[in-house]
N, C-alpha and C. Protein backbone atom coordinates (compact mmCIF):
# COMPACT_ATOMS: atom_id res chain seq x y z
N SER A 1 112.65 79.06 63.45
CA SER A 1 111.62 78.87 63.70
C SER A 1 110.80 80.45 64.48
N GLU A 2 112.07 81.19 63.62
CA GLU A 2 111.19 82.50 64.51
C GLU A 2 110.78 83.53 63.14
N ASN A 3 111.27 83.24 62.40
CA ASN A 3 110.53 83.64 60.17
C ASN A 3 110.97 82.42 59.85
N ASN A 4 110.07 82.49 58.77
CA ASN A 4 110.44 81.00 57.67
C ASN A 4 111.27 81.56 56.53
N LEU A 5 111.59 83.57 56.46
CA LEU A 5 112.37 83.69 55.45
C LEU A 5 113.73 82.91 55.80
N HIS A 6 114.11 83.04 56.51
CA HIS A 6 115.42 82.84 57.47
C HIS A 6 116.57 81.29 56.30
N VAL A 7 115.30 80.76 56.09
CA VAL A 7 116.81 79.46 55.32
C VAL A 7 116.68 79.73 53.81
N VAL A 8 116.91 79.81 53.16
CA VAL A 8 117.35 79.73 51.81
C VAL A 8 116.39 78.92 50.88
N GLY A 9 115.20 79.29 50.54
CA GLY A 9 114.04 77.98 49.95
C GLY A 9 114.82 76.81 49.05
N TYR A 10 114.79 75.81 49.40
CA TYR A 10 115.52 74.74 48.25
C TYR A 10 116.69 74.61 48.38
N SER A 11 116.84 74.68 49.85
CA SER A 11 118.56 75.05 50.25
C SER A 11 118.71 73.43 50.42
N THR A 12 119.55 72.89 49.80
CA THR A 12 120.23 71.73 50.10
C THR A 12 120.74 71.56 51.17
N PRO A 13 120.94 71.06 52.13
CA PRO A 13 120.60 69.91 53.89
C PRO A 13 122.64 70.47 53.79
N ILE A 14 122.58 71.02 55.15
CA ILE A 14 124.17 70.80 55.21
C ILE A 14 123.87 70.71 57.06
N ASP A 15 125.56 70.92 58.03
CA ASP A 15 125.49 70.26 59.16
C ASP A 15 126.68 70.27 58.98
N GLU A 16 127.50 71.64 59.95
CA GLU A 16 128.63 72.39 59.18
C GLU A 16 129.29 72.87 60.78
N VAL A 17 130.35 72.91 61.53
CA VAL A 17 130.65 73.77 61.87
C VAL A 17 131.89 75.25 61.26
N MET A 18 131.39 76.20 61.51
CA MET A 18 132.59 77.56 60.34
C MET A 18 133.05 78.29 60.89
N ASP A 19 133.29 79.20 60.12
CA ASP A 19 134.34 80.28 61.01
C ASP A 19 133.01 81.29 60.35
N LYS A 20 133.11 82.30 61.01
CA LYS A 20 131.54 83.21 60.74
C LYS A 20 131.96 83.90 59.39
N HIS A 21 133.30 84.24 59.25
CA HIS A 21 133.44 85.14 58.30
C HIS A 21 133.25 84.27 56.85
N ILE A 22 133.36 82.62 56.89
CA ILE A 22 132.64 81.42 56.71
C ILE A 22 131.00 81.17 55.70
N LEU A 23 130.36 81.66 56.93
CA LEU A 23 129.22 81.58 57.21
C LEU A 23 128.50 82.87 56.43
N CYS A 24 128.86 84.28 56.81
CA CYS A 24 128.38 84.98 56.24
C CYS A 24 128.38 84.70 54.43
N LYS A 25 129.39 84.04 54.10
CA LYS A 25 129.32 83.74 52.51
C LYS A 25 127.98 83.24 51.80
N ASN A 26 127.55 83.01 52.63
CA ASN A 26 125.66 82.07 52.49
C ASN A 26 124.54 82.88 53.49
N ILE A 27 124.93 83.94 53.74
CA ILE A 27 124.30 85.00 54.72
C ILE A 27 123.48 85.72 53.43
N TYR A 28 122.23 86.02 53.42
CA TYR A 28 121.95 86.79 52.60
C TYR A 28 120.87 88.20 53.10
N THR A 29 121.76 89.43 52.92
CA THR A 29 121.04 90.47 53.63
C THR A 29 120.32 91.68 51.64
N GLU A 30 119.24 92.43 52.75
CA GLU A 30 119.81 93.67 51.41
C GLU A 30 119.96 94.93 52.61
N PRO A 31 120.76 95.32 52.04
CA PRO A 31 121.94 96.19 53.02
C PRO A 31 121.12 98.07 52.66
N ASN A 32 120.21 98.10 51.74
CA ASN A 32 119.88 99.61 51.57
C ASN A 32 119.14 99.18 51.76
N GLN A 33 117.85 98.34 52.56
CA GLN A 33 117.10 97.98 53.32
C GLN A 33 117.12 97.02 54.61
N PRO A 34 118.50 97.91 55.28
CA PRO A 34 118.74 96.87 56.50
C PRO A 34 117.70 96.43 57.28
N ASP A 35 116.61 96.49 57.69
CA ASP A 35 116.24 96.03 58.65
C ASP A 35 115.24 95.05 58.28
N LEU A 36 114.91 94.97 56.45
CA LEU A 36 114.10 93.81 56.10
C LEU A 36 115.07 92.14 55.87
N ILE A 37 114.06 91.20 56.25
CA ILE A 37 114.50 89.96 55.36
C ILE A 37 114.55 89.63 53.89
N PRO A 38 115.33 89.84 53.39
CA PRO A 38 114.66 89.13 52.04
C PRO A 38 114.66 87.97 51.65
N TYR A 39 113.85 87.13 50.85
CA TYR A 39 113.58 86.90 50.45
C TYR A 39 114.20 85.40 49.23
N VAL A 40 115.02 84.96 49.58
CA VAL A 40 116.20 83.59 48.58
C VAL A 40 115.85 82.81 47.78
N THR A 41 115.43 82.14 47.08
CA THR A 41 115.72 80.71 46.87
C THR A 41 116.55 80.03 45.76
N SER A 42 117.03 79.39 45.39
CA SER A 42 117.98 78.14 45.16
C SER A 42 117.13 77.06 44.27
N TYR A 43 116.67 78.03 43.52
CA TYR A 43 115.34 76.81 42.93
C TYR A 43 116.54 76.07 41.69
N TYR A 44 117.75 76.67 40.61
CA TYR A 44 118.33 76.34 39.76
C TYR A 44 119.63 75.74 40.31
N LYS A 45 120.65 75.80 41.17
CA LYS A 45 121.96 75.00 41.48
C LYS A 45 121.52 74.42 43.14
N ASN A 46 122.67 73.61 43.24
CA ASN A 46 122.70 73.17 45.00
C ASN A 46 123.32 74.27 45.70
N ASN A 47 122.30 74.92 46.90
CA ASN A 47 123.31 75.55 47.52
C ASN A 47 122.21 75.64 48.67
N TRP A 48 122.64 76.19 49.91
CA TRP A 48 122.92 76.37 50.97
C TRP A 48 122.21 77.74 51.34
N GLY A 49 122.07 78.06 52.23
CA GLY A 49 121.57 79.74 52.84
C GLY A 49 120.89 79.72 53.82
N PHE A 50 120.98 81.32 54.56
CA PHE A 50 120.27 81.95 55.68
C PHE A 50 120.20 82.88 54.49
N CYS A 51 118.89 84.16 55.49
CA CYS A 51 118.22 85.19 55.01
C CYS A 51 118.12 85.82 56.37
N MET A 52 118.92 87.03 56.85
CA MET A 52 118.68 87.97 57.64
C MET A 52 118.64 89.51 57.87
N SER A 53 118.41 90.10 58.61
CA SER A 53 118.63 91.13 58.01
C SER A 53 120.04 91.65 58.29
N GLU A 54 120.47 92.68 57.92
CA GLU A 54 121.73 93.25 58.15
C GLU A 54 122.02 93.82 58.57
N THR A 55 121.28 94.45 59.21
CA THR A 55 121.80 94.91 60.79
C THR A 55 121.79 93.59 61.74
N GLU A 56 121.02 93.01 61.44
CA GLU A 56 121.05 91.24 62.58
C GLU A 56 122.55 91.01 62.02
N LYS A 57 123.03 90.11 60.72
CA LYS A 57 124.45 89.99 60.71
C LYS A 57 125.48 90.98 60.44
N ALA A 58 125.33 92.08 61.20
CA ALA A 58 126.23 93.41 61.26
C ALA A 58 126.52 92.84 62.83
N ALA A 59 125.85 92.19 63.45
CA ALA A 59 125.51 92.65 64.43
C ALA A 59 126.31 90.92 65.90
N LEU A 60 126.50 90.15 64.04
CA LEU A 60 126.76 88.71 64.53
C LEU A 60 127.97 89.13 65.44
N PRO A 61 128.10 88.55 66.25
CA PRO A 61 129.79 87.73 66.92
C PRO A 61 130.76 87.39 66.64
N ASP A 62 132.38 87.58 65.99
CA ASP A 62 132.95 86.98 65.50
C ASP A 62 133.15 85.36 66.49
N GLY A 63 133.61 83.69 65.71
CA GLY A 63 133.67 83.18 66.50
C GLY A 63 133.59 81.85 65.63
N LYS A 64 133.51 80.75 65.68
CA LYS A 64 132.28 79.45 65.30
C LYS A 64 131.17 79.17 65.63
N TYR A 65 130.93 78.87 64.09
CA TYR A 65 128.39 79.06 63.95
C TYR A 65 128.52 77.73 63.54
N ARG A 66 127.94 76.81 64.07
CA ARG A 66 127.31 75.17 63.29
C ARG A 66 126.36 75.94 61.83
N ALA A 67 125.83 75.34 60.95
CA ALA A 67 124.94 75.96 59.97
C ALA A 67 124.33 74.83 59.93
N PHE A 68 123.41 74.49 60.36
CA PHE A 68 122.59 73.29 60.45
C PHE A 68 121.06 73.40 59.45
N ILE A 69 121.54 72.71 58.92
CA ILE A 69 119.57 73.06 57.67
C ILE A 69 119.24 71.90 57.36
N ASP A 70 117.98 71.04 57.96
CA ASP A 70 117.46 69.87 57.48
C ASP A 70 116.93 69.67 56.92
N SER A 71 117.00 69.90 55.45
CA SER A 71 115.99 69.21 53.81
C SER A 71 116.50 68.38 53.35
N LYS A 72 115.29 68.34 53.07
CA LYS A 72 115.84 66.49 51.66
C LYS A 72 114.78 67.40 50.73
N LEU A 73 116.21 67.55 49.35
CA LEU A 73 115.40 67.89 47.93
C LEU A 73 114.70 67.13 47.08
N PHE A 74 113.81 66.79 46.52
CA PHE A 74 113.04 65.34 45.87
C PHE A 74 112.13 65.74 45.04
N ASP A 75 112.23 64.86 43.70
CA ASP A 75 110.92 65.06 43.29
C ASP A 75 109.73 64.84 43.52
N GLY A 76 108.97 66.46 43.32
CA GLY A 76 107.07 66.11 44.17
C GLY A 76 106.38 66.44 42.43
N GLU A 77 105.80 67.15 42.90
CA GLU A 77 104.14 68.02 42.19
C GLU A 77 104.90 69.80 42.38
N LEU A 78 104.14 69.53 41.01
CA LEU A 78 104.50 71.45 40.30
C LEU A 78 103.04 71.56 40.46
N LEU A 79 102.11 72.71 41.42
CA LEU A 79 100.43 72.99 42.04
C LEU A 79 100.11 74.08 40.75
N ILE A 80 99.48 73.47 39.87
CA ILE A 80 99.22 75.09 38.87
C ILE A 80 97.02 74.83 39.61
N GLY A 81 96.70 75.64 39.45
CA GLY A 81 95.46 76.37 39.78
C GLY A 81 94.96 77.46 38.12
N ASP A 82 94.06 76.23 37.68
CA ASP A 82 93.32 77.37 36.66
C ASP A 82 91.63 77.25 37.01
N ALA A 83 91.28 78.06 36.67
CA ALA A 83 89.39 77.95 35.80
C ALA A 83 88.60 79.08 34.54
N ILE A 84 88.90 78.76 33.91
CA ILE A 84 87.72 79.07 32.39
C ILE A 84 86.38 79.56 33.14
N PHE A 85 85.97 80.16 32.35
CA PHE A 85 84.81 80.78 32.22
C PHE A 85 84.36 80.83 30.82
N LYS A 86 83.65 79.72 30.60
CA LYS A 86 83.62 80.00 28.55
C LYS A 86 82.52 81.17 28.43
N GLY A 87 82.56 82.12 27.43
CA GLY A 87 82.02 82.62 26.48
C GLY A 87 81.13 82.39 25.36
N LYS A 88 80.70 83.25 24.78
CA LYS A 88 80.36 82.83 23.34
C LYS A 88 81.21 82.63 22.58
N LEU A 89 82.70 83.98 22.34
CA LEU A 89 83.53 83.66 21.87
C LEU A 89 84.84 82.79 22.63
N ASN A 90 85.39 82.13 21.93
CA ASN A 90 86.46 81.23 22.72
C ASN A 90 87.43 82.59 22.33
N LYS A 91 87.71 83.73 21.93
CA LYS A 91 88.36 84.56 22.51
C LYS A 91 88.88 84.78 23.81
N GLU A 92 89.88 84.83 24.00
CA GLU A 92 89.39 85.23 25.68
C GLU A 92 90.60 85.94 26.70
N ILE A 93 89.94 86.76 27.84
CA ILE A 93 90.77 87.22 28.68
C ILE A 93 91.66 86.25 29.46
N MET A 94 92.66 86.76 29.86
CA MET A 94 93.52 86.19 30.41
C MET A 94 93.83 86.92 31.65
N PHE A 95 94.01 86.02 33.03
CA PHE A 95 94.44 87.34 34.84
C PHE A 95 95.40 86.16 35.53
N SER A 96 96.30 86.58 35.17
CA SER A 96 97.06 85.33 36.31
C SER A 96 98.16 85.93 37.54
N SER A 97 98.50 85.24 38.20
CA SER A 97 99.07 85.78 39.57
C SER A 97 99.78 84.63 40.13
N TYR A 98 100.52 84.85 40.77
CA TYR A 98 102.05 83.89 41.75
C TYR A 98 101.31 83.11 42.98
N ILE A 99 102.31 82.29 42.85
CA ILE A 99 101.69 81.32 44.25
C ILE A 99 102.74 80.56 45.20
N CYS A 100 104.06 81.28 45.11
CA CYS A 100 105.44 81.03 45.83
C CYS A 100 106.24 81.00 46.53
N HIS A 101 105.71 83.11 46.28
CA HIS A 101 106.45 83.44 47.65
C HIS A 101 105.30 83.36 49.27
N PRO A 102 106.15 82.94 50.06
CA PRO A 102 105.94 82.40 51.74
C PRO A 102 105.48 84.45 52.31
N SER A 103 105.16 84.17 53.06
CA SER A 103 105.29 85.62 53.98
C SER A 103 105.13 86.35 53.44
N MET A 104 105.13 86.98 51.98
CA MET A 104 105.34 87.92 50.58
C MET A 104 103.73 88.73 50.68
N ALA A 105 102.66 89.20 51.50
CA ALA A 105 101.33 89.47 51.22
C ALA A 105 100.89 90.21 49.73
N ASN A 106 102.02 91.08 49.98
CA ASN A 106 101.72 92.45 48.62
C ASN A 106 101.75 91.21 47.74
N ASN A 107 103.35 90.93 47.12
CA ASN A 107 103.63 90.13 46.29
C ASN A 107 103.09 88.65 46.32
N GLU A 108 102.62 87.75 46.52
CA GLU A 108 102.37 86.61 46.68
C GLU A 108 100.59 86.20 47.38
N LEU A 109 99.96 87.36 48.12
CA LEU A 109 99.12 87.55 48.22
C LEU A 109 97.88 87.74 47.69
N SER A 110 98.10 89.53 47.58
CA SER A 110 97.45 90.36 46.61
C SER A 110 97.16 90.26 45.79
N GLY A 111 97.51 89.38 44.43
CA GLY A 111 97.03 88.48 43.24
C GLY A 111 96.47 87.51 43.06
N PRO A 112 96.15 86.64 43.98
CA PRO A 112 95.58 85.71 44.22
C PRO A 112 94.30 86.10 44.98
N VAL A 113 94.22 87.21 45.88
CA VAL A 113 92.42 87.71 46.02
C VAL A 113 92.05 88.38 45.39
N LEU A 114 92.31 89.45 44.06
CA LEU A 114 92.49 90.24 43.18
C LEU A 114 91.44 89.00 42.56
N ILE A 115 92.36 88.33 42.00
CA ILE A 115 91.77 87.06 41.37
C ILE A 115 90.44 85.91 41.54
N SER A 116 91.04 86.34 43.20
CA SER A 116 89.27 85.75 43.16
C SER A 116 88.39 86.30 43.40
N ALA A 117 87.77 87.78 43.53
CA ALA A 117 87.17 88.80 43.34
C ALA A 117 86.77 89.11 41.98
N LEU A 118 87.33 89.15 40.72
CA LEU A 118 87.20 88.97 39.75
C LEU A 118 86.24 87.77 39.74
N MET A 119 86.65 86.59 39.60
CA MET A 119 86.07 84.98 39.50
C MET A 119 84.99 85.37 39.58
N LYS A 120 84.15 85.45 40.98
CA LYS A 120 82.81 86.49 41.97
C LYS A 120 82.22 87.61 41.37
N TYR A 121 82.52 88.20 41.29
CA TYR A 121 82.51 88.96 40.55
C TYR A 121 81.40 88.79 38.86
N ILE A 122 82.71 88.11 37.90
CA ILE A 122 81.97 87.76 36.65
C ILE A 122 80.96 86.45 36.86
N LYS A 123 80.87 85.92 37.95
CA LYS A 123 80.30 84.65 38.15
C LYS A 123 79.08 85.11 38.51
N ASP A 124 79.32 86.47 39.25
CA ASP A 124 77.73 86.74 39.84
C ASP A 124 77.38 88.01 39.00
N SER A 125 77.71 88.09 38.14
CA SER A 125 77.58 89.95 37.24
C SER A 125 76.62 89.14 35.59
N PHE A 126 77.35 88.20 35.15
CA PHE A 126 77.70 88.25 33.68
C PHE A 126 76.93 86.81 33.32
N SER A 127 75.68 86.69 33.35
CA SER A 127 75.09 85.27 33.45
C SER A 127 75.60 84.91 31.39
N ASN A 128 75.77 86.01 30.53
CA ASN A 128 75.36 85.73 29.29
C ASN A 128 77.30 85.78 29.14
N LEU A 129 78.28 85.20 28.67
CA LEU A 129 79.34 86.23 28.55
C LEU A 129 80.10 86.52 27.16
N LYS A 130 80.22 87.55 27.04
CA LYS A 130 81.30 87.55 25.34
C LYS A 130 82.11 86.44 25.36
N PHE A 131 83.19 86.92 26.08
CA PHE A 131 84.82 86.11 25.71
C PHE A 131 84.84 85.33 27.05
N THR A 132 85.54 84.61 26.87
CA THR A 132 86.34 83.63 27.33
C THR A 132 86.88 83.67 28.73
N TYR A 133 86.67 84.15 30.08
CA TYR A 133 87.46 84.29 30.74
C TYR A 133 89.07 83.14 31.46
N ARG A 134 89.99 83.53 31.46
CA ARG A 134 90.93 82.61 31.77
C ARG A 134 91.74 82.91 33.18
N PHE A 135 91.63 81.95 34.15
CA PHE A 135 92.60 82.53 35.49
C PHE A 135 93.29 81.94 35.83
N ILE A 136 94.50 82.04 35.80
CA ILE A 136 95.82 81.37 36.49
C ILE A 136 96.25 81.77 37.66
N LEU A 137 96.75 80.11 38.70
CA LEU A 137 97.52 81.12 39.82
C LEU A 137 98.38 80.35 40.02
N VAL A 138 99.97 80.34 39.41
CA VAL A 138 100.95 79.48 39.53
C VAL A 138 102.62 80.04 39.82
N PRO A 139 103.78 78.90 40.85
CA PRO A 139 103.96 79.15 40.55
C PRO A 139 105.26 80.10 39.67
N GLU A 140 105.80 81.36 40.35
CA GLU A 140 106.74 82.59 39.10
C GLU A 140 107.98 82.21 38.48
N THR A 141 107.39 82.09 37.21
CA THR A 141 108.31 81.67 35.66
C THR A 141 108.57 80.36 36.11
N ILE A 142 108.64 79.13 37.24
CA ILE A 142 108.81 77.47 36.48
C ILE A 142 107.12 77.17 36.31
N GLY A 143 106.29 77.92 37.06
CA GLY A 143 104.83 77.74 37.40
C GLY A 143 104.01 78.10 35.71
N SER A 144 104.65 79.22 34.96
CA SER A 144 104.43 79.67 34.31
C SER A 144 104.42 79.17 32.90
N LEU A 145 106.08 78.33 32.93
CA LEU A 145 107.11 77.61 31.68
C LEU A 145 105.86 76.58 31.56
N ALA A 146 105.18 75.88 33.08
CA ALA A 146 105.30 74.60 32.73
C ALA A 146 103.45 74.83 32.12
N TYR A 147 102.70 76.14 32.39
CA TYR A 147 101.55 75.95 32.56
C TYR A 147 101.34 76.58 30.01
N MET A 148 102.59 77.07 29.95
CA MET A 148 102.30 77.92 29.05
C MET A 148 102.45 76.56 27.98
N SER A 149 103.56 75.60 28.46
CA SER A 149 103.55 73.82 27.70
C SER A 149 103.12 73.63 27.23
N GLN A 150 102.10 73.23 28.14
CA GLN A 150 100.71 72.74 28.07
C GLN A 150 99.84 73.25 26.95
N ASN A 151 99.51 74.67 27.90
CA ASN A 151 98.08 75.40 26.94
C ASN A 151 98.39 76.57 26.01
N LEU A 152 100.21 76.33 24.92
CA LEU A 152 100.49 77.34 23.70
C LEU A 152 99.58 77.12 23.02
N ASN A 153 99.32 76.58 22.46
CA ASN A 153 98.08 76.49 21.11
C ASN A 153 97.34 77.39 21.02
N GLN A 154 96.77 76.63 22.45
CA GLN A 154 95.73 77.27 22.53
C GLN A 154 95.76 78.60 23.15
N MET A 155 96.21 79.25 23.58
CA MET A 155 96.50 80.59 23.97
C MET A 155 97.01 81.54 22.51
N LYS A 156 97.74 81.11 21.89
CA LYS A 156 98.41 81.76 20.92
C LYS A 156 96.76 82.20 20.06
N GLU A 157 95.86 81.23 19.72
CA GLU A 157 94.73 80.94 19.24
C GLU A 157 93.95 81.96 20.00
N ASN A 158 94.07 82.05 21.07
CA ASN A 158 92.83 82.67 22.08
C ASN A 158 92.52 84.00 22.78
N VAL A 159 93.66 83.52 23.61
CA VAL A 159 93.96 84.58 24.13
C VAL A 159 94.38 86.42 23.67
N VAL A 160 93.54 87.17 23.57
CA VAL A 160 93.38 88.82 23.33
C VAL A 160 94.38 89.69 24.46
N CYS A 161 93.91 88.97 25.21
CA CYS A 161 94.79 90.52 26.00
C CYS A 161 94.76 89.22 27.76
N GLY A 162 95.83 89.95 28.34
CA GLY A 162 96.17 89.54 29.34
C GLY A 162 96.87 90.07 30.71
N PHE A 163 96.57 89.93 32.48
CA PHE A 163 96.79 90.29 32.91
C PHE A 163 97.29 90.11 33.99
N ASN A 164 98.43 90.46 34.91
CA ASN A 164 99.37 88.87 35.47
C ASN A 164 99.58 90.49 36.61
N LEU A 165 98.49 89.82 37.70
CA LEU A 165 98.06 90.79 38.91
C LEU A 165 99.42 90.04 40.11
N SER A 166 100.43 91.02 40.30
CA SER A 166 101.13 90.57 41.28
C SER A 166 101.33 92.50 41.78
N CYS A 167 101.61 92.34 43.17
CA CYS A 167 102.02 93.88 44.08
C CYS A 167 100.92 94.58 44.11
N VAL A 168 99.19 94.10 43.52
CA VAL A 168 98.18 95.51 44.07
C VAL A 168 97.84 95.34 45.33
């Protein structure tokens, strides 16, 4: 409850008591930035874990620990947002950004905010567009692949340039 980054994203459930050295194999830190909590996910394999600062991990006393993650893995939905502003030409200028990293404002908030501002600017400033504009908000990698699998032919034919807005 202190920080949503403390649990590895998509962790499998666990409720086991173990020695510190076993637990530490499933604690992720960023040793080069000892006071920061890393963001770690386990999309592609069943795993569990915790994230904390290297400083906090080093301060853990020896002993037994209960690792408890009350999670459920299930089929769900992949959320994708897109908007297309039609212009005179089918040729597209594309902007994309990510919506998948919680609590990471520079990485995950700056791009969507900039896309929103660009959409408003184009809508308010240009009533007669020459190019078509495509705006995409997707989870990184998985969302991009899913979006392209559904729109690849049109994008290959029409996109003349694209910008990925992240860490802006």
